[in-house]
Protein backbone atom coordinates (compact mmCIF):
# COMPACT_ATOMS: atom_id res chain seq x y z
CA MET A 1 38.49 -1.17 9.37
CA PRO A 2 35.84 1.06 7.64
CA ALA A 3 33.23 2.76 9.79
CA SER A 4 29.90 0.95 9.87
CA PRO A 5 26.89 2.75 8.38
CA THR A 6 24.64 4.52 10.81
CA ALA A 7 21.69 2.35 11.78
CA GLY A 8 18.56 3.54 10.08
CA THR A 9 20.40 5.33 7.28
CA PRO A 10 19.98 4.09 3.69
CA GLN A 11 23.21 3.25 1.90
CA ALA A 12 24.13 2.60 -1.73
CA ASN A 13 23.45 -1.05 -2.73
CA ASP A 14 20.71 -1.49 -0.08
CA THR A 15 17.57 -3.24 -1.34
CA VAL A 16 14.19 -1.48 -1.45
CA HIS A 17 10.91 -3.41 -1.67
CA LEU A 18 8.58 -1.08 -3.58
CA ARG A 19 4.77 -1.37 -3.50
CA LEU A 20 2.51 0.68 -5.76
CA SER A 21 -1.20 1.08 -5.01
CA MET A 22 -4.11 3.08 -6.40
CA ARG A 23 -5.86 5.51 -4.09
CA ASN A 24 -8.87 3.87 -2.36
CA ASP A 25 -8.25 0.57 -4.17
CA GLY A 26 -7.50 -1.62 -1.16
CA GLY A 27 -3.88 -2.61 -1.53
CA PRO A 28 -0.86 -2.84 -3.78
CA PHE A 29 -1.34 -3.79 -7.42
CA TRP A 30 2.36 -4.05 -8.25
CA GLN A 31 5.42 -4.91 -6.19
CA THR A 32 9.09 -5.12 -7.10
CA ASN A 33 12.56 -4.69 -5.69
CA ALA A 34 15.04 -1.96 -6.54
CA VAL A 35 18.55 -1.10 -5.40
CA ILE A 36 19.69 2.22 -3.99
CA ALA A 37 22.19 3.52 -6.55
CA SER A 38 23.20 6.57 -4.51
CA VAL A 39 22.28 8.69 -1.52
CA SER A 40 22.61 12.47 -1.64
CA GLY A 41 21.41 14.41 1.38
CA ARG A 42 17.80 13.42 1.98
CA THR A 43 17.29 11.83 -1.46
CA VAL A 44 18.00 8.33 -2.72
CA VAL A 45 18.26 7.30 -6.36
CA LEU A 46 16.70 3.90 -7.08
CA ASP A 47 17.98 1.65 -9.85
CA GLY A 48 16.25 -1.39 -11.32
CA PHE A 49 13.65 0.22 -13.56
CA ASP A 50 13.97 1.34 -17.18
CA ARG A 51 15.42 4.59 -15.74
CA GLN A 52 16.59 5.72 -12.34
CA VAL A 53 14.04 7.38 -10.06
CA SER A 54 14.50 9.41 -6.90
CA ALA A 55 12.70 9.19 -3.58
CA SER A 56 12.92 11.00 -0.29
CA VAL A 57 14.76 9.21 2.50
CA THR A 58 11.77 10.02 4.73
CA GLU A 59 9.57 7.74 2.57
CA LEU A 60 11.69 4.66 3.30
CA ARG A 61 10.80 2.31 6.15
CA PRO A 62 13.44 -0.04 7.59
CA MET A 63 12.89 -3.80 7.11
CA GLY A 64 16.22 -5.04 8.48
CA SER A 65 19.88 -4.58 7.80
CA GLY A 66 20.33 -3.19 4.28
CA ARG A 67 16.62 -3.60 3.48
CA TRP A 68 13.90 -0.95 3.13
CA SER A 69 10.28 -0.72 2.03
CA LEU A 70 8.68 2.07 0.04
CA ASP A 71 4.94 2.49 -0.57
CA TRP A 72 3.83 4.80 -3.35
CA GLU A 73 0.20 5.70 -3.95
CA ILE A 74 -0.76 6.44 -7.55
CA LYS A 75 -3.51 8.94 -8.24
CA THR A 76 -6.07 8.12 -10.90
CA ARG A 77 -7.13 10.61 -13.52
CA PRO A 78 -10.58 12.13 -13.01
């Protein structure tokens, strides 16, 4: 029997609910789901966009077994 993943540790094929918001704009303007393609050290690679993107494991918040949330704030140009 394979060892179970450590609770609270992102694994490949886990789902990430991603929310993007503008600074000082009062909430997310875009939400989507992505899949963790791989985990390497403290970095995850997310798949489900037009290209893969990386994020720090410390940015992920647990939402249940195999599910995570990620909030990214976008800065506006001056």
